[in-house]
Amino acid sequence: MPRPPEDVLQAAGNPRLRPARPRLLEILGMVLAAPFLAVLFLLKPLHEAEEALKRFLDTKEEKERRRARRDEESRRDALLTRRGLDQVFDGNWQGNAGRLLLLWFEQSTHPERLVLATQDGIVLAAPPRRVAVGRRRRMQIVCRIPADIAALTDPLSGEFATTCLLISFRDGSWLRLDTAEPRSELHMHLLRQPRLES
């Protein structure tokens, strides 16, 4: 999360800007997983060599498909960058998106949010604090954004498979959300919605 100017930070009451530190259970899990990660790290060059060999043996059509996919990803990333959507939010700390971002970790110290699109607006849920296991069970609603204040939008209108979504506020500010996978259920939900003519 970008650091706001000091005057904005003080006016907001110096809210938390970082997620909570890992808990003891998370640290213990990382320590226990370290030997397995070392083995995976050693196997990675073998996997990369195998992938390179597969690419070398690909048919002409497969090579063209891979090249087309890389070109599409490059166009998508360039379009996001050109529109300024490679940032966390629009940069206006006085707008609704900036104010929501300032409250992000006060609502929950866990960095992830479960996003629900409803008829009434957008609902964000999160565990009450950083948890190692069972976080889905502990989800609580941390923010409701009414439909007359903001809408969930796909900035590329489904043109590309992307993980990027926006909470677009009526005041023109926006907050970027990254989904766990491209073409998530939220993307598909937005594609099914009728488009309003402007």
N, C-alpha and C. Protein backbone atom coordinates (compact mmCIF):
# COMPACT_ATOMS: atom_id res chain seq x y z
N MET A 1 0.84 -1.18 0.00
CA MET A 1 0.00 0.00 0.00
C MET A 1 0.89 1.24 0.00
N PRO A 2 0.61 2.21 -0.87
CA PRO A 2 1.43 3.42 -0.89
C PRO A 2 1.24 4.21 0.39
N ARG A 3 2.29 4.89 0.81
CA ARG A 3 2.20 5.70 2.03
C ARG A 3 1.59 7.05 1.69
N PRO A 4 0.54 7.46 2.41
CA PRO A 4 -0.06 8.76 2.14
C PRO A 4 0.80 9.90 2.67
N PRO A 5 0.56 11.12 2.22
CA PRO A 5 1.27 12.26 2.79
C PRO A 5 1.01 12.36 4.29
N GLU A 6 1.96 12.93 5.02
CA GLU A 6 1.86 12.98 6.48
C GLU A 6 0.61 13.71 6.96
N ASP A 7 0.22 14.82 6.28
CA ASP A 7 -0.96 15.55 6.74
C ASP A 7 -2.23 14.71 6.57
N VAL A 8 -2.31 13.93 5.50
CA VAL A 8 -3.46 13.04 5.28
C VAL A 8 -3.47 11.95 6.33
N LEU A 9 -2.31 11.41 6.63
CA LEU A 9 -2.18 10.35 7.63
C LEU A 9 -2.60 10.85 9.01
N GLN A 10 -2.15 12.03 9.39
CA GLN A 10 -2.52 12.58 10.70
C GLN A 10 -3.99 12.93 10.76
N ALA A 11 -4.55 13.49 9.69
CA ALA A 11 -5.97 13.83 9.66
C ALA A 11 -6.85 12.59 9.79
N ALA A 12 -6.35 11.44 9.31
CA ALA A 12 -7.11 10.19 9.40
C ALA A 12 -6.89 9.48 10.74
N GLY A 13 -6.08 10.09 11.62
CA GLY A 13 -5.84 9.48 12.93
C GLY A 13 -4.73 8.45 12.93
N ASN A 14 -3.77 8.57 12.02
CA ASN A 14 -2.64 7.64 11.91
C ASN A 14 -3.08 6.17 11.88
N PRO A 15 -3.88 5.80 10.89
CA PRO A 15 -4.33 4.41 10.82
C PRO A 15 -3.19 3.46 10.47
N ARG A 16 -3.40 2.19 10.73
CA ARG A 16 -2.43 1.15 10.39
C ARG A 16 -2.29 1.11 8.87
N LEU A 17 -1.05 0.98 8.39
CA LEU A 17 -0.80 0.95 6.96
C LEU A 17 -0.27 -0.40 6.49
N ARG A 18 -0.05 -1.31 7.41
CA ARG A 18 0.52 -2.61 7.04
C ARG A 18 -0.31 -3.72 7.67
N PRO A 19 -0.32 -4.88 7.02
CA PRO A 19 -0.99 -6.01 7.65
C PRO A 19 -0.24 -6.44 8.91
N ALA A 20 -0.93 -7.19 9.75
CA ALA A 20 -0.30 -7.68 10.98
C ALA A 20 0.86 -8.60 10.64
N ARG A 21 1.80 -8.70 11.56
CA ARG A 21 2.94 -9.60 11.36
C ARG A 21 2.44 -11.04 11.43
N PRO A 22 3.22 -11.97 10.84
CA PRO A 22 2.81 -13.38 10.90
C PRO A 22 2.72 -13.85 12.36
N ARG A 23 1.74 -14.69 12.62
CA ARG A 23 1.57 -15.23 13.96
C ARG A 23 2.51 -16.40 14.15
N LEU A 24 2.66 -16.83 15.39
CA LEU A 24 3.59 -17.89 15.75
C LEU A 24 3.30 -19.17 14.96
N LEU A 25 2.03 -19.51 14.78
CA LEU A 25 1.67 -20.72 14.04
C LEU A 25 2.13 -20.63 12.58
N GLU A 26 2.02 -19.45 11.97
CA GLU A 26 2.49 -19.27 10.59
C GLU A 26 4.01 -19.43 10.51
N ILE A 27 4.71 -18.85 11.46
CA ILE A 27 6.17 -18.94 11.48
C ILE A 27 6.60 -20.39 11.65
N LEU A 28 5.94 -21.11 12.57
CA LEU A 28 6.25 -22.53 12.79
C LEU A 28 6.00 -23.33 11.52
N GLY A 29 4.90 -23.03 10.81
CA GLY A 29 4.60 -23.72 9.55
C GLY A 29 5.67 -23.46 8.51
N MET A 30 6.17 -22.22 8.44
CA MET A 30 7.23 -21.89 7.48
C MET A 30 8.52 -22.64 7.80
N VAL A 31 8.83 -22.74 9.10
CA VAL A 31 10.04 -23.46 9.51
C VAL A 31 9.94 -24.93 9.15
N LEU A 32 8.77 -25.53 9.42
CA LEU A 32 8.58 -26.95 9.11
C LEU A 32 8.56 -27.22 7.61
N ALA A 33 8.11 -26.24 6.83
CA ALA A 33 8.03 -26.42 5.38
C ALA A 33 9.37 -26.14 4.69
N ALA A 34 10.31 -25.53 5.39
CA ALA A 34 11.58 -25.13 4.77
C ALA A 34 12.31 -26.28 4.08
N PRO A 35 12.44 -27.49 4.69
CA PRO A 35 13.15 -28.57 3.98
C PRO A 35 12.46 -28.96 2.66
N PHE A 36 11.13 -28.95 2.65
CA PHE A 36 10.40 -29.30 1.42
C PHE A 36 10.59 -28.23 0.36
N LEU A 37 10.63 -26.96 0.80
CA LEU A 37 10.85 -25.87 -0.14
C LEU A 37 12.25 -25.95 -0.74
N ALA A 38 13.22 -26.40 0.07
CA ALA A 38 14.58 -26.55 -0.45
C ALA A 38 14.62 -27.61 -1.56
N VAL A 39 13.89 -28.71 -1.34
CA VAL A 39 13.83 -29.77 -2.36
C VAL A 39 13.17 -29.23 -3.63
N LEU A 40 12.06 -28.48 -3.46
CA LEU A 40 11.40 -27.90 -4.62
C LEU A 40 12.31 -26.91 -5.34
N PHE A 41 13.07 -26.15 -4.57
CA PHE A 41 14.01 -25.19 -5.17
C PHE A 41 15.06 -25.91 -6.01
N LEU A 42 15.50 -27.09 -5.55
CA LEU A 42 16.49 -27.86 -6.30
C LEU A 42 15.88 -28.50 -7.55
N LEU A 43 14.60 -28.82 -7.49
CA LEU A 43 13.93 -29.44 -8.63
C LEU A 43 13.50 -28.42 -9.70
N LYS A 44 13.49 -27.15 -9.34
CA LYS A 44 13.03 -26.12 -10.27
C LYS A 44 13.84 -26.09 -11.57
N PRO A 45 15.19 -26.15 -11.52
CA PRO A 45 15.94 -26.15 -12.79
C PRO A 45 15.60 -27.35 -13.68
N LEU A 46 15.32 -28.50 -13.06
CA LEU A 46 14.91 -29.66 -13.86
C LEU A 46 13.58 -29.41 -14.55
N HIS A 47 12.67 -28.81 -13.82
CA HIS A 47 11.36 -28.50 -14.39
C HIS A 47 11.50 -27.50 -15.53
N GLU A 48 12.33 -26.47 -15.34
CA GLU A 48 12.53 -25.47 -16.39
C GLU A 48 13.18 -26.08 -17.63
N ALA A 49 14.11 -27.01 -17.42
CA ALA A 49 14.74 -27.69 -18.56
C ALA A 49 13.71 -28.53 -19.31
N GLU A 50 12.83 -29.20 -18.56
CA GLU A 50 11.79 -30.01 -19.19
C GLU A 50 10.84 -29.13 -20.01
N GLU A 51 10.47 -27.97 -19.44
CA GLU A 51 9.59 -27.05 -20.17
C GLU A 51 10.26 -26.51 -21.43
N ALA A 52 11.56 -26.21 -21.33
CA ALA A 52 12.29 -25.71 -22.51
C ALA A 52 12.34 -26.78 -23.60
N LEU A 53 12.53 -28.03 -23.20
CA LEU A 53 12.55 -29.12 -24.17
C LEU A 53 11.18 -29.28 -24.83
N LYS A 54 10.11 -29.17 -24.03
CA LYS A 54 8.75 -29.26 -24.59
C LYS A 54 8.51 -28.14 -25.59
N ARG A 55 8.96 -26.92 -25.24
CA ARG A 55 8.78 -25.79 -26.16
C ARG A 55 9.54 -26.02 -27.45
N PHE A 56 10.74 -26.59 -27.33
CA PHE A 56 11.56 -26.87 -28.51
C PHE A 56 10.88 -27.89 -29.42
N LEU A 57 10.20 -28.88 -28.81
CA LEU A 57 9.56 -29.95 -29.58
C LEU A 57 8.13 -29.62 -30.01
N ASP A 58 7.63 -28.44 -29.60
CA ASP A 58 6.26 -28.05 -29.96
C ASP A 58 6.09 -27.99 -31.47
N THR A 59 4.86 -28.23 -31.90
CA THR A 59 4.53 -28.07 -33.31
C THR A 59 4.48 -26.58 -33.65
N LYS A 60 4.43 -26.27 -34.92
CA LYS A 60 4.39 -24.88 -35.36
C LYS A 60 3.14 -24.18 -34.81
N GLU A 61 2.01 -24.89 -34.81
CA GLU A 61 0.75 -24.31 -34.31
C GLU A 61 0.85 -23.99 -32.82
N GLU A 62 1.45 -24.90 -32.05
CA GLU A 62 1.60 -24.67 -30.61
C GLU A 62 2.51 -23.47 -30.34
N LYS A 63 3.58 -23.34 -31.13
CA LYS A 63 4.48 -22.20 -30.97
C LYS A 63 3.75 -20.89 -31.30
N GLU A 64 2.92 -20.91 -32.33
CA GLU A 64 2.17 -19.72 -32.70
C GLU A 64 1.15 -19.37 -31.62
N ARG A 65 0.49 -20.38 -31.04
CA ARG A 65 -0.46 -20.12 -29.95
C ARG A 65 0.25 -19.50 -28.75
N ARG A 66 1.43 -20.04 -28.41
CA ARG A 66 2.19 -19.50 -27.28
C ARG A 66 2.62 -18.06 -27.55
N ARG A 67 3.07 -17.79 -28.76
CA ARG A 67 3.48 -16.43 -29.13
C ARG A 67 2.27 -15.48 -29.07
N ALA A 68 1.13 -15.94 -29.57
CA ALA A 68 -0.08 -15.10 -29.54
C ALA A 68 -0.50 -14.82 -28.10
N ARG A 69 -0.38 -15.81 -27.22
CA ARG A 69 -0.74 -15.62 -25.81
C ARG A 69 0.21 -14.60 -25.16
N ARG A 70 1.52 -14.70 -25.47
CA ARG A 70 2.49 -13.74 -24.92
C ARG A 70 2.19 -12.33 -25.43
N ASP A 71 1.87 -12.22 -26.72
CA ASP A 71 1.55 -10.90 -27.30
C ASP A 71 0.30 -10.31 -26.64
N GLU A 72 -0.71 -11.14 -26.41
CA GLU A 72 -1.93 -10.67 -25.76
C GLU A 72 -1.65 -10.20 -24.34
N GLU A 73 -0.83 -10.96 -23.61
CA GLU A 73 -0.48 -10.55 -22.25
C GLU A 73 0.29 -9.23 -22.26
N SER A 74 1.17 -9.05 -23.22
CA SER A 74 1.92 -7.78 -23.33
C SER A 74 0.99 -6.62 -23.63
N ARG A 75 0.03 -6.82 -24.56
CA ARG A 75 -0.94 -5.76 -24.87
C ARG A 75 -1.79 -5.43 -23.66
N ARG A 76 -2.22 -6.47 -22.93
CA ARG A 76 -3.03 -6.25 -21.72
C ARG A 76 -2.27 -5.43 -20.69
N ASP A 77 -1.02 -5.82 -20.42
CA ASP A 77 -0.22 -5.12 -19.41
C ASP A 77 0.06 -3.69 -19.84
N ALA A 78 0.33 -3.48 -21.14
CA ALA A 78 0.58 -2.12 -21.64
C ALA A 78 -0.67 -1.25 -21.51
N LEU A 79 -1.84 -1.84 -21.78
CA LEU A 79 -3.09 -1.10 -21.66
C LEU A 79 -3.37 -0.72 -20.21
N LEU A 80 -3.14 -1.64 -19.28
CA LEU A 80 -3.33 -1.34 -17.86
C LEU A 80 -2.39 -0.22 -17.41
N THR A 81 -1.14 -0.29 -17.86
CA THR A 81 -0.16 0.73 -17.48
C THR A 81 -0.53 2.08 -18.08
N ARG A 82 -0.94 2.09 -19.35
CA ARG A 82 -1.31 3.33 -20.03
C ARG A 82 -2.49 4.01 -19.33
N ARG A 83 -3.41 3.22 -18.80
CA ARG A 83 -4.57 3.78 -18.10
C ARG A 83 -4.29 4.06 -16.63
N GLY A 84 -3.07 3.78 -16.17
CA GLY A 84 -2.70 4.03 -14.77
C GLY A 84 -3.23 2.98 -13.82
N LEU A 85 -3.69 1.85 -14.37
CA LEU A 85 -4.31 0.83 -13.55
C LEU A 85 -3.31 -0.18 -13.00
N ASP A 86 -2.03 0.11 -13.14
CA ASP A 86 -1.02 -0.73 -12.51
C ASP A 86 -0.75 -0.25 -11.08
N GLN A 87 -1.49 0.78 -10.64
CA GLN A 87 -1.37 1.32 -9.28
C GLN A 87 -2.47 0.73 -8.40
N VAL A 88 -2.31 0.90 -7.09
CA VAL A 88 -3.28 0.38 -6.12
C VAL A 88 -4.59 1.15 -6.20
N PHE A 89 -4.50 2.47 -6.38
CA PHE A 89 -5.70 3.30 -6.49
C PHE A 89 -5.36 4.55 -7.28
N ASP A 90 -6.33 5.42 -7.46
CA ASP A 90 -6.15 6.58 -8.35
C ASP A 90 -5.17 7.61 -7.82
N GLY A 91 -4.77 7.53 -6.56
CA GLY A 91 -3.79 8.45 -6.00
C GLY A 91 -4.36 9.62 -5.23
N ASN A 92 -5.69 9.80 -5.27
CA ASN A 92 -6.34 10.90 -4.56
C ASN A 92 -6.75 10.42 -3.17
N TRP A 93 -5.98 10.82 -2.16
CA TRP A 93 -6.26 10.39 -0.78
C TRP A 93 -7.52 11.04 -0.23
N GLN A 94 -8.01 12.12 -0.86
CA GLN A 94 -9.23 12.78 -0.39
C GLN A 94 -10.49 12.12 -0.97
N GLY A 95 -10.33 11.31 -2.01
CA GLY A 95 -11.47 10.65 -2.63
C GLY A 95 -11.93 9.46 -1.81
N ASN A 96 -13.07 8.89 -2.19
CA ASN A 96 -13.63 7.75 -1.47
C ASN A 96 -12.69 6.56 -1.47
N ALA A 97 -12.00 6.32 -2.59
CA ALA A 97 -11.08 5.18 -2.67
C ALA A 97 -9.91 5.37 -1.71
N GLY A 98 -9.36 6.57 -1.67
CA GLY A 98 -8.25 6.85 -0.76
C GLY A 98 -8.66 6.71 0.69
N ARG A 99 -9.85 7.20 1.02
CA ARG A 99 -10.33 7.08 2.41
C ARG A 99 -10.57 5.63 2.79
N LEU A 100 -11.13 4.84 1.85
CA LEU A 100 -11.32 3.41 2.14
C LEU A 100 -9.98 2.72 2.33
N LEU A 101 -9.01 3.07 1.50
CA LEU A 101 -7.69 2.47 1.61
C LEU A 101 -7.04 2.80 2.96
N LEU A 102 -7.25 4.02 3.45
CA LEU A 102 -6.70 4.40 4.75
C LEU A 102 -7.28 3.55 5.88
N LEU A 103 -8.51 3.09 5.71
CA LEU A 103 -9.16 2.28 6.75
C LEU A 103 -8.97 0.78 6.55
N TRP A 104 -8.28 0.39 5.48
CA TRP A 104 -8.17 -1.00 5.06
C TRP A 104 -7.75 -1.94 6.18
N PHE A 105 -6.63 -1.64 6.84
CA PHE A 105 -6.10 -2.55 7.86
C PHE A 105 -6.68 -2.29 9.24
N GLU A 106 -7.40 -1.17 9.42
CA GLU A 106 -8.14 -1.01 10.68
C GLU A 106 -9.35 -1.93 10.68
N GLN A 107 -9.92 -2.15 9.51
CA GLN A 107 -11.07 -3.03 9.41
C GLN A 107 -10.68 -4.48 9.67
N SER A 108 -9.53 -4.87 9.17
CA SER A 108 -8.99 -6.21 9.38
C SER A 108 -7.51 -6.17 9.04
N THR A 109 -6.68 -6.78 9.89
CA THR A 109 -5.24 -6.77 9.63
C THR A 109 -4.83 -7.80 8.59
N HIS A 110 -5.77 -8.64 8.17
CA HIS A 110 -5.47 -9.61 7.13
C HIS A 110 -5.46 -8.88 5.79
N PRO A 111 -4.44 -9.09 4.94
CA PRO A 111 -4.33 -8.31 3.70
C PRO A 111 -5.35 -8.69 2.62
N GLU A 112 -5.98 -9.86 2.72
CA GLU A 112 -6.91 -10.29 1.68
C GLU A 112 -8.34 -9.94 2.06
N ARG A 113 -9.18 -9.77 1.03
CA ARG A 113 -10.60 -9.52 1.22
C ARG A 113 -11.39 -10.47 0.33
N LEU A 114 -12.52 -10.93 0.85
CA LEU A 114 -13.49 -11.66 0.05
C LEU A 114 -14.46 -10.62 -0.48
N VAL A 115 -14.63 -10.55 -1.79
CA VAL A 115 -15.47 -9.52 -2.41
C VAL A 115 -16.74 -10.16 -2.93
N LEU A 116 -17.87 -9.59 -2.54
CA LEU A 116 -19.17 -10.07 -2.99
C LEU A 116 -19.88 -8.94 -3.72
N ALA A 117 -20.38 -9.24 -4.90
CA ALA A 117 -21.18 -8.27 -5.65
C ALA A 117 -22.65 -8.59 -5.39
N THR A 118 -23.38 -7.64 -4.83
CA THR A 118 -24.79 -7.84 -4.53
C THR A 118 -25.63 -6.81 -5.27
N GLN A 119 -26.95 -6.97 -5.20
CA GLN A 119 -27.85 -5.99 -5.82
C GLN A 119 -27.70 -4.62 -5.16
N ASP A 120 -27.38 -4.63 -3.86
CA ASP A 120 -27.29 -3.38 -3.10
C ASP A 120 -25.93 -2.72 -3.17
N GLY A 121 -24.92 -3.40 -3.71
CA GLY A 121 -23.59 -2.82 -3.79
C GLY A 121 -22.50 -3.86 -3.67
N ILE A 122 -21.43 -3.49 -2.98
CA ILE A 122 -20.26 -4.35 -2.84
C ILE A 122 -20.06 -4.63 -1.35
N VAL A 123 -19.77 -5.88 -1.03
CA VAL A 123 -19.51 -6.28 0.35
C VAL A 123 -18.09 -6.83 0.41
N LEU A 124 -17.31 -6.33 1.36
CA LEU A 124 -15.96 -6.83 1.60
C LEU A 124 -15.96 -7.56 2.93
N ALA A 125 -15.43 -8.78 2.92
CA ALA A 125 -15.32 -9.56 4.15
C ALA A 125 -13.87 -9.98 4.33
N ALA A 126 -13.46 -10.16 5.58
CA ALA A 126 -12.09 -10.55 5.89
C ALA A 126 -12.05 -11.20 7.26
N PRO A 127 -11.03 -11.99 7.54
CA PRO A 127 -10.86 -12.48 8.90
C PRO A 127 -10.60 -11.28 9.82
N PRO A 128 -10.97 -11.37 11.10
CA PRO A 128 -10.79 -10.22 11.98
C PRO A 128 -9.32 -9.85 12.20
N ARG A 129 -8.43 -10.80 12.06
CA ARG A 129 -7.00 -10.51 12.17
C ARG A 129 -6.26 -11.53 11.31
N ARG A 130 -4.96 -11.40 11.24
CA ARG A 130 -4.18 -12.31 10.41
C ARG A 130 -4.23 -13.70 11.03
N VAL A 131 -4.75 -14.67 10.29
CA VAL A 131 -4.88 -16.03 10.80
C VAL A 131 -4.19 -16.98 9.84
N ALA A 132 -3.63 -18.07 10.40
CA ALA A 132 -2.89 -19.03 9.59
C ALA A 132 -3.82 -20.09 9.00
N VAL A 133 -4.77 -20.57 9.79
CA VAL A 133 -5.66 -21.63 9.32
C VAL A 133 -7.10 -21.24 9.61
N GLY A 134 -8.01 -21.76 8.79
CA GLY A 134 -9.44 -21.54 9.02
C GLY A 134 -9.91 -20.11 8.78
N ARG A 135 -9.21 -19.37 7.91
CA ARG A 135 -9.59 -17.97 7.75
C ARG A 135 -10.95 -17.82 7.07
N ARG A 136 -11.34 -18.78 6.25
CA ARG A 136 -12.66 -18.67 5.59
C ARG A 136 -13.79 -18.74 6.62
N ARG A 137 -13.60 -19.60 7.65
CA ARG A 137 -14.62 -19.72 8.70
C ARG A 137 -14.74 -18.45 9.52
N ARG A 138 -13.66 -17.70 9.60
CA ARG A 138 -13.65 -16.52 10.47
C ARG A 138 -13.98 -15.23 9.74
N MET A 139 -14.33 -15.34 8.47
CA MET A 139 -14.65 -14.14 7.70
C MET A 139 -15.78 -13.35 8.35
N GLN A 140 -15.60 -12.05 8.39
CA GLN A 140 -16.63 -11.15 8.88
C GLN A 140 -16.75 -10.00 7.89
N ILE A 141 -17.93 -9.44 7.79
CA ILE A 141 -18.12 -8.29 6.91
C ILE A 141 -17.40 -7.10 7.53
N VAL A 142 -16.50 -6.50 6.75
CA VAL A 142 -15.74 -5.35 7.25
C VAL A 142 -16.15 -4.06 6.55
N CYS A 143 -16.86 -4.17 5.43
CA CYS A 143 -17.26 -2.96 4.72
C CYS A 143 -18.38 -3.27 3.75
N ARG A 144 -19.38 -2.40 3.75
CA ARG A 144 -20.45 -2.46 2.75
C ARG A 144 -20.41 -1.14 1.98
N ILE A 145 -20.33 -1.25 0.67
CA ILE A 145 -20.31 -0.04 -0.17
C ILE A 145 -21.59 -0.04 -0.99
N PRO A 146 -22.51 0.87 -0.69
CA PRO A 146 -23.79 0.91 -1.41
C PRO A 146 -23.62 1.15 -2.90
N ALA A 147 -24.56 0.64 -3.69
CA ALA A 147 -24.50 0.75 -5.15
C ALA A 147 -24.54 2.20 -5.63
N ASP A 148 -25.13 3.10 -4.84
CA ASP A 148 -25.17 4.50 -5.27
C ASP A 148 -23.85 5.23 -4.99
N ILE A 149 -22.91 4.56 -4.32
CA ILE A 149 -21.60 5.16 -4.03
C ILE A 149 -20.52 4.58 -4.94
N ALA A 150 -20.60 3.27 -5.22
CA ALA A 150 -19.55 2.62 -6.02
C ALA A 150 -20.09 1.41 -6.74
N ALA A 151 -19.37 1.00 -7.77
CA ALA A 151 -19.72 -0.21 -8.52
C ALA A 151 -18.45 -0.99 -8.80
N LEU A 152 -18.60 -2.28 -8.91
CA LEU A 152 -17.48 -3.15 -9.28
C LEU A 152 -17.41 -3.17 -10.80
N THR A 153 -16.22 -2.91 -11.36
CA THR A 153 -16.09 -2.84 -12.81
C THR A 153 -14.86 -3.61 -13.28
N ASP A 154 -14.93 -4.11 -14.50
CA ASP A 154 -13.78 -4.71 -15.17
C ASP A 154 -13.23 -3.62 -16.09
N PRO A 155 -12.05 -3.07 -15.79
CA PRO A 155 -11.55 -1.94 -16.58
C PRO A 155 -11.27 -2.27 -18.03
N LEU A 156 -11.13 -3.55 -18.35
CA LEU A 156 -10.87 -3.95 -19.74
C LEU A 156 -12.10 -4.56 -20.39
N SER A 157 -13.24 -4.48 -19.71
CA SER A 157 -14.54 -4.92 -20.25
C SER A 157 -14.52 -6.33 -20.82
N GLY A 158 -13.74 -7.21 -20.21
CA GLY A 158 -13.71 -8.60 -20.65
C GLY A 158 -12.87 -8.85 -21.88
N GLU A 159 -12.20 -7.81 -22.39
CA GLU A 159 -11.40 -7.97 -23.62
C GLU A 159 -10.23 -8.92 -23.40
N PHE A 160 -9.64 -8.89 -22.20
CA PHE A 160 -8.51 -9.74 -21.87
C PHE A 160 -8.82 -10.53 -20.60
N ALA A 161 -8.22 -11.70 -20.49
CA ALA A 161 -8.28 -12.45 -19.23
C ALA A 161 -7.31 -11.77 -18.27
N THR A 162 -7.83 -11.20 -17.21
CA THR A 162 -7.00 -10.47 -16.26
C THR A 162 -7.49 -10.71 -14.84
N THR A 163 -6.63 -10.43 -13.88
CA THR A 163 -7.02 -10.54 -12.48
C THR A 163 -7.48 -9.19 -11.93
N CYS A 164 -7.44 -8.17 -12.74
CA CYS A 164 -7.72 -6.80 -12.29
C CYS A 164 -9.22 -6.49 -12.32
N LEU A 165 -9.71 -5.96 -11.21
CA LEU A 165 -11.05 -5.38 -11.12
C LEU A 165 -10.92 -4.05 -10.41
N LEU A 166 -11.91 -3.19 -10.58
CA LEU A 166 -11.91 -1.91 -9.89
C LEU A 166 -13.16 -1.74 -9.06
N ILE A 167 -13.01 -1.13 -7.89
CA ILE A 167 -14.15 -0.55 -7.20
C ILE A 167 -14.15 0.89 -7.67
N SER A 168 -15.11 1.22 -8.53
CA SER A 168 -15.19 2.57 -9.12
C SER A 168 -16.21 3.39 -8.36
N PHE A 169 -15.74 4.44 -7.68
CA PHE A 169 -16.62 5.28 -6.88
C PHE A 169 -17.23 6.36 -7.75
N ARG A 170 -18.38 6.84 -7.35
CA ARG A 170 -19.11 7.86 -8.12
C ARG A 170 -18.35 9.19 -8.16
N ASP A 171 -17.44 9.41 -7.20
CA ASP A 171 -16.67 10.66 -7.21
C ASP A 171 -15.49 10.60 -8.18
N GLY A 172 -15.38 9.50 -8.95
CA GLY A 172 -14.32 9.36 -9.93
C GLY A 172 -13.09 8.63 -9.42
N SER A 173 -13.01 8.38 -8.13
CA SER A 173 -11.87 7.65 -7.59
C SER A 173 -12.08 6.15 -7.77
N TRP A 174 -10.99 5.39 -7.72
CA TRP A 174 -11.09 3.95 -7.89
C TRP A 174 -10.03 3.25 -7.06
N LEU A 175 -10.32 2.01 -6.71
CA LEU A 175 -9.42 1.16 -5.95
C LEU A 175 -9.29 -0.15 -6.71
N ARG A 176 -8.05 -0.58 -6.95
CA ARG A 176 -7.82 -1.80 -7.72
C ARG A 176 -7.90 -3.02 -6.80
N LEU A 177 -8.57 -4.05 -7.29
CA LEU A 177 -8.62 -5.34 -6.62
C LEU A 177 -8.01 -6.38 -7.55
N ASP A 178 -7.19 -7.26 -7.03
CA ASP A 178 -6.65 -8.35 -7.84
C ASP A 178 -7.27 -9.65 -7.36
N THR A 179 -7.90 -10.36 -8.28
CA THR A 179 -8.54 -11.63 -7.94
C THR A 179 -7.50 -12.75 -7.92
N ALA A 180 -7.87 -13.85 -7.30
CA ALA A 180 -6.94 -14.97 -7.18
C ALA A 180 -6.65 -15.62 -8.53
N GLU A 181 -7.58 -15.48 -9.47
CA GLU A 181 -7.39 -16.10 -10.79
C GLU A 181 -7.96 -15.20 -11.88
N PRO A 182 -7.43 -15.31 -13.09
CA PRO A 182 -8.03 -14.55 -14.19
C PRO A 182 -9.43 -15.07 -14.50
N ARG A 183 -10.26 -14.19 -15.02
CA ARG A 183 -11.64 -14.57 -15.36
C ARG A 183 -12.32 -15.22 -14.15
N SER A 184 -12.22 -14.55 -13.02
CA SER A 184 -12.82 -15.06 -11.79
C SER A 184 -14.34 -15.03 -11.90
N GLU A 185 -15.02 -15.53 -10.88
CA GLU A 185 -16.48 -15.49 -10.87
C GLU A 185 -16.99 -14.06 -10.92
N LEU A 186 -16.25 -13.14 -10.29
CA LEU A 186 -16.66 -11.73 -10.33
C LEU A 186 -16.56 -11.17 -11.75
N HIS A 187 -15.50 -11.53 -12.48
CA HIS A 187 -15.38 -11.10 -13.88
C HIS A 187 -16.56 -11.63 -14.69
N MET A 188 -16.87 -12.91 -14.50
CA MET A 188 -17.97 -13.52 -15.27
C MET A 188 -19.31 -12.88 -14.89
N HIS A 189 -19.48 -12.55 -13.60
CA HIS A 189 -20.70 -11.87 -13.16
C HIS A 189 -20.83 -10.52 -13.88
N LEU A 190 -19.73 -9.78 -13.97
CA LEU A 190 -19.78 -8.47 -14.63
C LEU A 190 -20.06 -8.60 -16.12
N LEU A 191 -19.52 -9.64 -16.75
CA LEU A 191 -19.77 -9.83 -18.19
C LEU A 191 -21.23 -10.15 -18.47
N ARG A 192 -21.91 -10.77 -17.50
CA ARG A 192 -23.33 -11.12 -17.69
C ARG A 192 -24.27 -9.94 -17.46
N GLN A 193 -23.76 -8.86 -16.87
CA GLN A 193 -24.60 -7.71 -16.57
C GLN A 193 -24.88 -6.92 -17.84
N PRO A 194 -26.10 -6.38 -17.99
CA PRO A 194 -26.38 -5.55 -19.17
C PRO A 194 -25.56 -4.26 -19.11
N ARG A 195 -25.08 -3.83 -20.26
CA ARG A 195 -24.27 -2.61 -20.32
C ARG A 195 -25.18 -1.41 -20.46
N LEU A 196 -24.88 -0.37 -19.67
CA LEU A 196 -25.64 0.85 -19.76
C LEU A 196 -25.02 1.74 -20.84
N GLU A 197 -25.87 2.26 -21.69
CA GLU A 197 -25.39 3.19 -22.73
C GLU A 197 -25.16 4.55 -22.10
N SER A 198 -24.01 5.17 -22.37
CA SER A 198 -23.74 6.49 -21.80
C SER A 198 -24.02 7.59 -22.80
